[in-house]
Amino acid sequence: MGLAMSLMGKGLPTTQMLSLVMGTLERQFIDKKIESFEDFHMAILHIFSTVNSALPGKHYDVPSREDVQACFGEWKTATDELEKKEVLVQFIKEKVNLSKLDNSTLITGIITPPAAMAAKRAGESVPQLKLIKAIPDVIFVPSATVLALVSVKLTRKMFGDASS
């Protein structure tokens, strides 16, 4: 009873959730037929996609293609399943980093909602933008915020800012 109550208050700890998810993913990874680097890379990307969608709040950055290729070389030379598992676990322990928010994303997320409301109010008085009155605030503000955050991320990726 005490264990159930403690889990209800704090929720399942992230390390236990990560361990549970990784065990499931490892079984899926071993069951797949991996013949080439492309298959291996897709399996690694699938692992990160699953982990990032399963764990609330925390997201992990995908290692570079070169790191995955080096891991594939070690994984391919491993002789048995246990050794392959060790290579995969060691790779994930060494190369997986917690994703961090940068300042521009944080500032954009804070400033955009009030700016979107002000822009909508100003746009309602312009005769050419009569349609903007029909869009509810509940849809307009989150949509504007998501678009602003996506544009910040894309801009940072396109221009290759080193701080992201």
Foldseek 3Di string as FASTA:
>chain_A
DVVVVVCVVPNDDPVVVVVVLVVVLLVVVVPDDDDDLVSQVVSQVVSQVVSQVPDPPWHKDRFDSVLSVVLVVQLVPDDDPVSNVVSVVVSCVPGIDIDDDDPVLVVLLVPQQVVQVVVLVVLCPDPVNVVSVVDDSVPRRVVRSVVSNVVVVVVCVVVVDPVD
